[in-house]
Amino acid sequence: MLLEVQTKTEREMPRRLLEYTAMQHREFKKPVYPVVLNLTGRLQEERYSFDCLDLTVVTFNFRTINLADLPGEHLLHHAPVEIIPLVPLMRHEYPAEEILARCVERIAEAPVEWQADLYLGLAVFSSLRFTREVILKMKAKIIDEFMKALNEAVRKNN
């Protein structure tokens, strides 16, 4: 028997999404299409509802995009560079080291002032998917590129 435990945050997420959706709708008076970008791959119900006595007070539906279901190689080559830090969380046919190396190459094409943030995002999101050993193998390259980008951004701003 497989028993999955939900964290408090995971249980509260649909309610918070309802709140955010309602606030956006109220402020901008436009329809809002609520979407959850699922980083972990854990399945979640795409609905939030509650009843009071015999009345269903709220039924709220939303869409979930599971990054683990998206084709990482395609997005690595065709998506805007701002998406690249999320690529390690996607589906791949290549080894982790190769994916990370390609991500580093793609981020190097971004404007210099974006690169430090993109490398940091790549490091954070990679740690959700890849083993510590894989991250440590690529750490030096990612840190080198991060430091180059940071130094270049500082140089440009001075």
N, C-alpha and C. Protein backbone atom coordinates (compact mmCIF):
# COMPACT_ATOMS: atom_id res chain seq x y z
N MET A 1 0.84 -1.17 0.00
CA MET A 1 0.00 0.00 0.00
C MET A 1 0.89 1.24 0.00
N LEU A 2 0.66 2.13 -0.95
CA LEU A 2 1.43 3.36 -1.06
C LEU A 2 0.65 4.47 -0.38
N LEU A 3 1.31 5.13 0.53
CA LEU A 3 0.67 6.20 1.27
C LEU A 3 1.47 7.47 1.03
N GLU A 4 0.83 8.47 0.42
CA GLU A 4 1.52 9.72 0.16
C GLU A 4 1.06 10.75 1.18
N VAL A 5 2.02 11.40 1.77
CA VAL A 5 1.71 12.40 2.78
C VAL A 5 1.80 13.78 2.13
N GLN A 6 0.77 14.58 2.30
CA GLN A 6 0.77 15.94 1.79
C GLN A 6 1.27 16.88 2.87
N THR A 7 2.10 17.82 2.46
CA THR A 7 2.54 18.83 3.42
C THR A 7 1.43 19.85 3.61
N LYS A 8 1.54 20.62 4.66
CA LYS A 8 0.56 21.66 4.94
C LYS A 8 0.47 22.62 3.75
N THR A 9 1.61 22.96 3.16
CA THR A 9 1.64 23.87 2.03
C THR A 9 0.88 23.28 0.85
N GLU A 10 1.07 22.00 0.57
CA GLU A 10 0.37 21.36 -0.54
C GLU A 10 -1.14 21.35 -0.32
N ARG A 11 -1.57 21.16 0.94
CA ARG A 11 -3.01 21.17 1.23
C ARG A 11 -3.60 22.56 1.09
N GLU A 12 -2.82 23.57 1.41
CA GLU A 12 -3.31 24.95 1.37
C GLU A 12 -3.22 25.59 0.00
N MET A 13 -2.41 25.03 -0.90
CA MET A 13 -2.18 25.64 -2.19
C MET A 13 -3.46 25.92 -2.97
N PRO A 14 -4.41 24.97 -3.09
CA PRO A 14 -5.63 25.28 -3.85
C PRO A 14 -6.43 26.45 -3.26
N ARG A 15 -6.48 26.53 -1.94
CA ARG A 15 -7.20 27.64 -1.31
C ARG A 15 -6.51 28.97 -1.59
N ARG A 16 -5.18 28.98 -1.50
CA ARG A 16 -4.44 30.20 -1.79
C ARG A 16 -4.61 30.61 -3.25
N LEU A 17 -4.61 29.63 -4.15
CA LEU A 17 -4.81 29.93 -5.56
C LEU A 17 -6.18 30.55 -5.79
N LEU A 18 -7.20 30.04 -5.11
CA LEU A 18 -8.53 30.64 -5.18
C LEU A 18 -8.48 32.10 -4.72
N GLU A 19 -7.80 32.35 -3.61
CA GLU A 19 -7.68 33.73 -3.09
C GLU A 19 -6.98 34.64 -4.10
N TYR A 20 -5.86 34.18 -4.66
CA TYR A 20 -5.12 34.99 -5.64
C TYR A 20 -5.97 35.26 -6.88
N THR A 21 -6.68 34.23 -7.33
CA THR A 21 -7.52 34.38 -8.51
C THR A 21 -8.62 35.41 -8.25
N ALA A 22 -9.26 35.32 -7.09
CA ALA A 22 -10.32 36.27 -6.74
C ALA A 22 -9.77 37.69 -6.63
N MET A 23 -8.59 37.86 -6.03
CA MET A 23 -8.01 39.20 -5.91
C MET A 23 -7.70 39.79 -7.29
N GLN A 24 -7.13 38.98 -8.19
CA GLN A 24 -6.82 39.47 -9.54
C GLN A 24 -8.10 39.83 -10.29
N HIS A 25 -9.11 38.99 -10.17
CA HIS A 25 -10.39 39.25 -10.83
C HIS A 25 -11.02 40.54 -10.29
N ARG A 26 -10.97 40.71 -8.97
CA ARG A 26 -11.56 41.91 -8.36
C ARG A 26 -10.80 43.16 -8.80
N GLU A 27 -9.48 43.11 -8.79
CA GLU A 27 -8.69 44.30 -9.11
C GLU A 27 -8.78 44.69 -10.58
N PHE A 28 -8.69 43.72 -11.49
CA PHE A 28 -8.62 44.03 -12.91
C PHE A 28 -9.94 43.83 -13.65
N LYS A 29 -10.91 43.25 -12.98
CA LYS A 29 -12.24 43.03 -13.57
C LYS A 29 -12.17 42.28 -14.89
N LYS A 30 -11.26 41.30 -14.92
CA LYS A 30 -11.07 40.44 -16.10
C LYS A 30 -11.13 39.00 -15.66
N PRO A 31 -11.49 38.10 -16.57
CA PRO A 31 -11.45 36.68 -16.21
C PRO A 31 -9.99 36.24 -15.97
N VAL A 32 -9.81 35.31 -15.06
CA VAL A 32 -8.49 34.80 -14.71
C VAL A 32 -8.51 33.29 -14.95
N TYR A 33 -7.51 32.80 -15.67
CA TYR A 33 -7.38 31.36 -15.91
C TYR A 33 -6.32 30.83 -14.96
N PRO A 34 -6.72 30.18 -13.87
CA PRO A 34 -5.75 29.76 -12.86
C PRO A 34 -4.97 28.51 -13.27
N VAL A 35 -3.66 28.63 -13.16
CA VAL A 35 -2.76 27.53 -13.54
C VAL A 35 -1.71 27.36 -12.45
N VAL A 36 -1.45 26.10 -12.10
CA VAL A 36 -0.39 25.76 -11.16
C VAL A 36 0.74 25.12 -11.96
N LEU A 37 1.94 25.64 -11.79
CA LEU A 37 3.11 25.05 -12.39
C LEU A 37 3.71 24.10 -11.36
N ASN A 38 3.53 22.80 -11.58
CA ASN A 38 3.94 21.78 -10.60
C ASN A 38 5.40 21.42 -10.82
N LEU A 39 6.24 21.79 -9.87
CA LEU A 39 7.67 21.53 -9.95
C LEU A 39 8.04 20.13 -9.50
N THR A 40 7.28 19.56 -8.60
CA THR A 40 7.66 18.31 -7.95
C THR A 40 7.20 17.07 -8.68
N GLY A 41 6.20 17.17 -9.53
CA GLY A 41 5.68 16.01 -10.21
C GLY A 41 4.64 15.25 -9.41
N ARG A 42 4.43 15.62 -8.15
CA ARG A 42 3.39 14.97 -7.35
C ARG A 42 2.03 15.38 -7.88
N LEU A 43 1.17 14.41 -8.03
CA LEU A 43 -0.16 14.71 -8.54
C LEU A 43 -0.99 15.41 -7.48
N GLN A 44 -1.73 16.39 -7.93
CA GLN A 44 -2.61 17.12 -7.04
C GLN A 44 -3.97 17.24 -7.70
N GLU A 45 -4.99 17.23 -6.88
CA GLU A 45 -6.33 17.41 -7.42
C GLU A 45 -6.46 18.84 -7.93
N GLU A 46 -7.11 18.98 -9.08
CA GLU A 46 -7.25 20.30 -9.70
C GLU A 46 -8.58 20.93 -9.32
N ARG A 47 -8.86 20.91 -8.03
CA ARG A 47 -10.15 21.41 -7.57
C ARG A 47 -10.06 21.75 -6.10
N TYR A 48 -10.81 22.78 -5.73
CA TYR A 48 -10.95 23.14 -4.33
C TYR A 48 -12.43 23.43 -4.11
N SER A 49 -12.99 22.85 -3.08
CA SER A 49 -14.39 23.14 -2.79
C SER A 49 -14.65 22.98 -1.31
N PHE A 50 -15.73 23.59 -0.86
CA PHE A 50 -16.16 23.34 0.50
C PHE A 50 -17.67 23.52 0.60
N ASP A 51 -18.21 22.80 1.54
CA ASP A 51 -19.65 22.81 1.80
C ASP A 51 -19.91 23.39 3.18
N CYS A 52 -21.09 23.90 3.34
CA CYS A 52 -21.56 24.33 4.65
C CYS A 52 -22.99 23.81 4.78
N LEU A 53 -23.17 22.94 5.73
CA LEU A 53 -24.44 22.23 5.91
C LEU A 53 -24.79 21.51 4.62
N ASP A 54 -25.87 21.85 3.98
CA ASP A 54 -26.27 21.13 2.76
C ASP A 54 -25.96 21.92 1.49
N LEU A 55 -25.14 22.96 1.61
CA LEU A 55 -24.87 23.84 0.48
C LEU A 55 -23.40 23.77 0.08
N THR A 56 -23.15 23.55 -1.21
CA THR A 56 -21.78 23.67 -1.72
C THR A 56 -21.55 25.16 -1.93
N VAL A 57 -20.68 25.72 -1.11
CA VAL A 57 -20.46 27.16 -1.12
C VAL A 57 -19.51 27.56 -2.25
N VAL A 58 -18.42 26.80 -2.40
CA VAL A 58 -17.41 27.12 -3.41
C VAL A 58 -16.96 25.85 -4.10
N THR A 59 -16.90 25.92 -5.42
CA THR A 59 -16.22 24.91 -6.21
C THR A 59 -15.30 25.67 -7.15
N PHE A 60 -14.01 25.44 -7.01
CA PHE A 60 -13.00 26.18 -7.77
C PHE A 60 -12.12 25.18 -8.49
N ASN A 61 -12.02 25.31 -9.81
CA ASN A 61 -11.19 24.42 -10.62
C ASN A 61 -10.01 25.19 -11.18
N PHE A 62 -8.91 24.50 -11.39
CA PHE A 62 -7.72 25.10 -11.97
C PHE A 62 -6.97 24.05 -12.77
N ARG A 63 -6.02 24.47 -13.57
CA ARG A 63 -5.20 23.56 -14.36
C ARG A 63 -3.83 23.41 -13.70
N THR A 64 -3.26 22.24 -13.87
CA THR A 64 -1.91 21.98 -13.39
C THR A 64 -1.04 21.59 -14.58
N ILE A 65 0.11 22.23 -14.67
CA ILE A 65 1.10 21.85 -15.67
C ILE A 65 2.22 21.17 -14.91
N ASN A 66 2.41 19.89 -15.18
CA ASN A 66 3.48 19.12 -14.54
C ASN A 66 4.74 19.24 -15.40
N LEU A 67 5.75 19.90 -14.86
CA LEU A 67 6.98 20.07 -15.63
C LEU A 67 7.58 18.74 -16.04
N ALA A 68 7.44 17.72 -15.22
CA ALA A 68 8.00 16.40 -15.53
C ALA A 68 7.39 15.79 -16.79
N ASP A 69 6.25 16.32 -17.24
CA ASP A 69 5.60 15.80 -18.44
C ASP A 69 6.02 16.55 -19.71
N LEU A 70 6.70 17.68 -19.57
CA LEU A 70 7.06 18.49 -20.73
C LEU A 70 8.37 18.02 -21.34
N PRO A 71 8.49 18.12 -22.67
CA PRO A 71 9.72 17.69 -23.35
C PRO A 71 10.85 18.69 -23.15
N GLY A 72 11.77 18.39 -22.25
CA GLY A 72 12.84 19.30 -21.90
C GLY A 72 13.77 19.66 -23.04
N GLU A 73 14.13 18.69 -23.88
CA GLU A 73 15.05 18.97 -24.99
C GLU A 73 14.46 19.99 -25.94
N HIS A 74 13.19 19.85 -26.25
CA HIS A 74 12.55 20.79 -27.17
C HIS A 74 12.58 22.20 -26.58
N LEU A 75 12.20 22.32 -25.31
CA LEU A 75 12.18 23.64 -24.68
C LEU A 75 13.59 24.19 -24.48
N LEU A 76 14.55 23.33 -24.28
CA LEU A 76 15.93 23.76 -24.12
C LEU A 76 16.40 24.51 -25.36
N HIS A 77 15.94 24.08 -26.53
CA HIS A 77 16.38 24.69 -27.78
C HIS A 77 15.46 25.79 -28.29
N HIS A 78 14.18 25.75 -27.91
CA HIS A 78 13.21 26.65 -28.54
C HIS A 78 12.52 27.62 -27.59
N ALA A 79 12.61 27.40 -26.30
CA ALA A 79 11.91 28.27 -25.35
C ALA A 79 12.72 29.54 -25.10
N PRO A 80 12.05 30.59 -24.63
CA PRO A 80 12.81 31.78 -24.23
C PRO A 80 13.80 31.42 -23.14
N VAL A 81 14.92 32.12 -23.11
CA VAL A 81 16.00 31.79 -22.18
C VAL A 81 15.54 31.89 -20.72
N GLU A 82 14.53 32.67 -20.43
CA GLU A 82 14.04 32.80 -19.06
C GLU A 82 13.48 31.48 -18.52
N ILE A 83 13.13 30.57 -19.39
CA ILE A 83 12.55 29.27 -19.01
C ILE A 83 13.65 28.24 -18.69
N ILE A 84 14.86 28.48 -19.12
CA ILE A 84 15.93 27.49 -19.02
C ILE A 84 16.17 26.96 -17.60
N PRO A 85 16.11 27.77 -16.54
CA PRO A 85 16.31 27.18 -15.21
C PRO A 85 15.31 26.09 -14.84
N LEU A 86 14.15 26.07 -15.50
CA LEU A 86 13.14 25.04 -15.23
C LEU A 86 13.38 23.75 -16.02
N VAL A 87 14.19 23.81 -17.04
CA VAL A 87 14.41 22.66 -17.93
C VAL A 87 14.86 21.40 -17.19
N PRO A 88 15.73 21.47 -16.18
CA PRO A 88 16.12 20.23 -15.48
C PRO A 88 14.94 19.48 -14.85
N LEU A 89 13.84 20.16 -14.59
CA LEU A 89 12.68 19.51 -13.98
C LEU A 89 11.80 18.80 -14.99
N MET A 90 12.14 18.91 -16.27
CA MET A 90 11.32 18.35 -17.34
C MET A 90 11.80 16.96 -17.75
N ARG A 91 11.06 16.35 -18.67
CA ARG A 91 11.37 15.00 -19.18
C ARG A 91 12.55 15.08 -20.15
N HIS A 92 13.50 14.14 -20.00
CA HIS A 92 14.70 14.13 -20.84
C HIS A 92 15.09 12.72 -21.24
N GLU A 93 15.75 12.63 -22.40
CA GLU A 93 16.31 11.36 -22.84
C GLU A 93 17.82 11.32 -22.62
N TYR A 94 18.42 12.45 -22.29
CA TYR A 94 19.86 12.55 -22.14
C TYR A 94 20.25 12.54 -20.67
N PRO A 95 21.51 12.22 -20.37
CA PRO A 95 21.96 12.20 -18.97
C PRO A 95 21.89 13.60 -18.34
N ALA A 96 21.78 13.62 -17.04
CA ALA A 96 21.64 14.87 -16.29
C ALA A 96 22.79 15.84 -16.57
N GLU A 97 24.02 15.34 -16.61
CA GLU A 97 25.18 16.21 -16.83
C GLU A 97 25.07 16.93 -18.17
N GLU A 98 24.61 16.20 -19.19
CA GLU A 98 24.48 16.80 -20.52
C GLU A 98 23.38 17.87 -20.53
N ILE A 99 22.28 17.59 -19.86
CA ILE A 99 21.20 18.57 -19.79
C ILE A 99 21.69 19.84 -19.10
N LEU A 100 22.37 19.69 -17.97
CA LEU A 100 22.87 20.87 -17.26
C LEU A 100 23.88 21.64 -18.09
N ALA A 101 24.76 20.93 -18.78
CA ALA A 101 25.76 21.60 -19.64
C ALA A 101 25.06 22.40 -20.73
N ARG A 102 24.04 21.83 -21.33
CA ARG A 102 23.29 22.55 -22.38
C ARG A 102 22.55 23.76 -21.80
N CYS A 103 22.04 23.62 -20.59
CA CYS A 103 21.37 24.75 -19.93
C CYS A 103 22.36 25.89 -19.71
N VAL A 104 23.57 25.55 -19.25
CA VAL A 104 24.61 26.56 -19.02
C VAL A 104 24.94 27.27 -20.33
N GLU A 105 25.06 26.51 -21.42
CA GLU A 105 25.34 27.10 -22.73
C GLU A 105 24.23 28.05 -23.16
N ARG A 106 22.99 27.63 -22.95
CA ARG A 106 21.85 28.48 -23.35
C ARG A 106 21.81 29.77 -22.53
N ILE A 107 22.07 29.67 -21.22
CA ILE A 107 22.04 30.86 -20.37
C ILE A 107 23.15 31.83 -20.77
N ALA A 108 24.27 31.31 -21.25
CA ALA A 108 25.37 32.17 -21.70
C ALA A 108 24.94 33.06 -22.87
N GLU A 109 23.87 32.69 -23.58
CA GLU A 109 23.36 33.49 -24.70
C GLU A 109 22.47 34.64 -24.22
N ALA A 110 22.06 34.62 -22.96
CA ALA A 110 21.14 35.63 -22.42
C ALA A 110 21.88 36.95 -22.22
N PRO A 111 21.13 38.05 -22.13
CA PRO A 111 21.77 39.32 -21.79
C PRO A 111 22.54 39.17 -20.46
N VAL A 112 23.69 39.79 -20.38
CA VAL A 112 24.58 39.64 -19.24
C VAL A 112 23.86 39.97 -17.93
N GLU A 113 23.03 40.99 -17.92
CA GLU A 113 22.38 41.39 -16.68
C GLU A 113 21.38 40.35 -16.17
N TRP A 114 20.98 39.40 -16.98
CA TRP A 114 20.06 38.33 -16.56
C TRP A 114 20.80 37.09 -16.08
N GLN A 115 22.02 36.90 -16.53
CA GLN A 115 22.69 35.62 -16.38
C GLN A 115 22.86 35.16 -14.94
N ALA A 116 23.24 36.04 -14.04
CA ALA A 116 23.46 35.62 -12.65
C ALA A 116 22.19 35.03 -12.07
N ASP A 117 21.05 35.68 -12.29
CA ASP A 117 19.77 35.16 -11.79
C ASP A 117 19.41 33.83 -12.44
N LEU A 118 19.68 33.71 -13.74
CA LEU A 118 19.36 32.47 -14.44
C LEU A 118 20.22 31.31 -13.95
N TYR A 119 21.51 31.56 -13.71
CA TYR A 119 22.38 30.51 -13.18
C TYR A 119 21.96 30.11 -11.77
N LEU A 120 21.59 31.07 -10.97
CA LEU A 120 21.12 30.77 -9.62
C LEU A 120 19.85 29.92 -9.68
N GLY A 121 18.91 30.31 -10.53
CA GLY A 121 17.69 29.52 -10.71
C GLY A 121 18.00 28.11 -11.18
N LEU A 122 18.93 27.99 -12.10
CA LEU A 122 19.33 26.67 -12.60
C LEU A 122 19.86 25.80 -11.47
N ALA A 123 20.69 26.37 -10.62
CA ALA A 123 21.24 25.60 -9.50
C ALA A 123 20.14 25.16 -8.54
N VAL A 124 19.24 26.07 -8.22
CA VAL A 124 18.17 25.75 -7.27
C VAL A 124 17.24 24.67 -7.83
N PHE A 125 16.75 24.87 -9.05
CA PHE A 125 15.80 23.90 -9.61
C PHE A 125 16.46 22.56 -9.92
N SER A 126 17.72 22.57 -10.31
CA SER A 126 18.43 21.31 -10.56
C SER A 126 18.49 20.46 -9.31
N SER A 127 18.64 21.12 -8.16
CA SER A 127 18.76 20.38 -6.90
C SER A 127 17.46 19.67 -6.53
N LEU A 128 16.34 20.08 -7.12
CA LEU A 128 15.07 19.39 -6.87
C LEU A 128 14.98 18.07 -7.63
N ARG A 129 15.74 17.95 -8.70
CA ARG A 129 15.60 16.80 -9.58
C ARG A 129 16.80 15.86 -9.59
N PHE A 130 18.00 16.43 -9.59
CA PHE A 130 19.19 15.62 -9.77
C PHE A 130 19.85 15.29 -8.44
N THR A 131 20.61 14.22 -8.45
CA THR A 131 21.30 13.79 -7.23
C THR A 131 22.39 14.79 -6.88
N ARG A 132 22.80 14.70 -5.64
CA ARG A 132 23.87 15.57 -5.15
C ARG A 132 25.14 15.38 -5.98
N GLU A 133 25.43 14.14 -6.37
CA GLU A 133 26.64 13.85 -7.14
C GLU A 133 26.62 14.57 -8.49
N VAL A 134 25.47 14.55 -9.14
CA VAL A 134 25.35 15.22 -10.44
C VAL A 134 25.54 16.72 -10.27
N ILE A 135 24.91 17.27 -9.25
CA ILE A 135 25.01 18.71 -8.99
C ILE A 135 26.47 19.08 -8.70
N LEU A 136 27.14 18.28 -7.87
CA LEU A 136 28.53 18.59 -7.54
C LEU A 136 29.44 18.53 -8.76
N LYS A 137 29.17 17.59 -9.69
CA LYS A 137 29.96 17.52 -10.92
C LYS A 137 29.83 18.81 -11.73
N MET A 138 28.63 19.36 -11.76
CA MET A 138 28.36 20.54 -12.58
C MET A 138 28.54 21.84 -11.79
N LYS A 139 28.68 21.74 -10.48
CA LYS A 139 28.73 22.93 -9.62
C LYS A 139 29.81 23.91 -10.05
N ALA A 140 31.01 23.40 -10.30
CA ALA A 140 32.11 24.29 -10.65
C ALA A 140 31.80 25.08 -11.91
N LYS A 141 31.25 24.41 -12.91
CA LYS A 141 30.93 25.10 -14.17
C LYS A 141 29.83 26.14 -13.96
N ILE A 142 28.78 25.78 -13.22
CA ILE A 142 27.69 26.71 -12.97
C ILE A 142 28.18 27.90 -12.15
N ILE A 143 28.98 27.63 -11.11
CA ILE A 143 29.50 28.72 -10.27
C ILE A 143 30.43 29.62 -11.09
N ASP A 144 31.30 29.03 -11.93
CA ASP A 144 32.17 29.84 -12.79
C ASP A 144 31.35 30.78 -13.67
N GLU A 145 30.34 30.22 -14.31
CA GLU A 145 29.50 31.03 -15.19
C GLU A 145 28.73 32.08 -14.40
N PHE A 146 28.22 31.71 -13.23
CA PHE A 146 27.50 32.64 -12.37
C PHE A 146 28.42 33.81 -11.98
N MET A 147 29.64 33.51 -11.58
CA MET A 147 30.57 34.55 -11.16
C MET A 147 30.95 35.45 -12.34
N LYS A 148 31.17 34.87 -13.52
CA LYS A 148 31.47 35.68 -14.70
C LYS A 148 30.33 36.64 -14.98
N ALA A 149 29.10 36.11 -14.95
CA ALA A 149 27.93 36.95 -15.23
C ALA A 149 27.78 38.04 -14.18
N LEU A 150 27.97 37.70 -12.92
CA LEU A 150 27.87 38.67 -11.84
C LEU A 150 28.92 39.76 -12.00
N ASN A 151 30.16 39.37 -12.27
CA ASN A 151 31.23 40.36 -12.47
C ASN A 151 30.96 41.26 -13.66
N GLU A 152 30.45 40.69 -14.74
CA GLU A 152 30.14 41.48 -15.93
C GLU A 152 29.01 42.47 -15.64
N ALA A 153 27.99 42.03 -14.91
CA ALA A 153 26.88 42.92 -14.56
C ALA A 153 27.36 44.06 -13.68
N VAL A 154 28.23 43.75 -12.72
CA VAL A 154 28.79 44.79 -11.83
C VAL A 154 29.63 45.76 -12.65
N ARG A 155 30.45 45.23 -13.55
CA ARG A 155 31.29 46.08 -14.40
C ARG A 155 30.42 47.00 -15.25
N LYS A 156 29.34 46.51 -15.81
CA LYS A 156 28.45 47.33 -16.65
C LYS A 156 27.78 48.44 -15.86
N ASN A 157 27.45 48.15 -14.58
CA ASN A 157 26.75 49.13 -13.76
C ASN A 157 27.67 50.17 -13.15
N ASN A 158 28.98 50.00 -13.27
CA ASN A 158 29.92 50.98 -12.70
C ASN A 158 30.47 51.91 -13.75
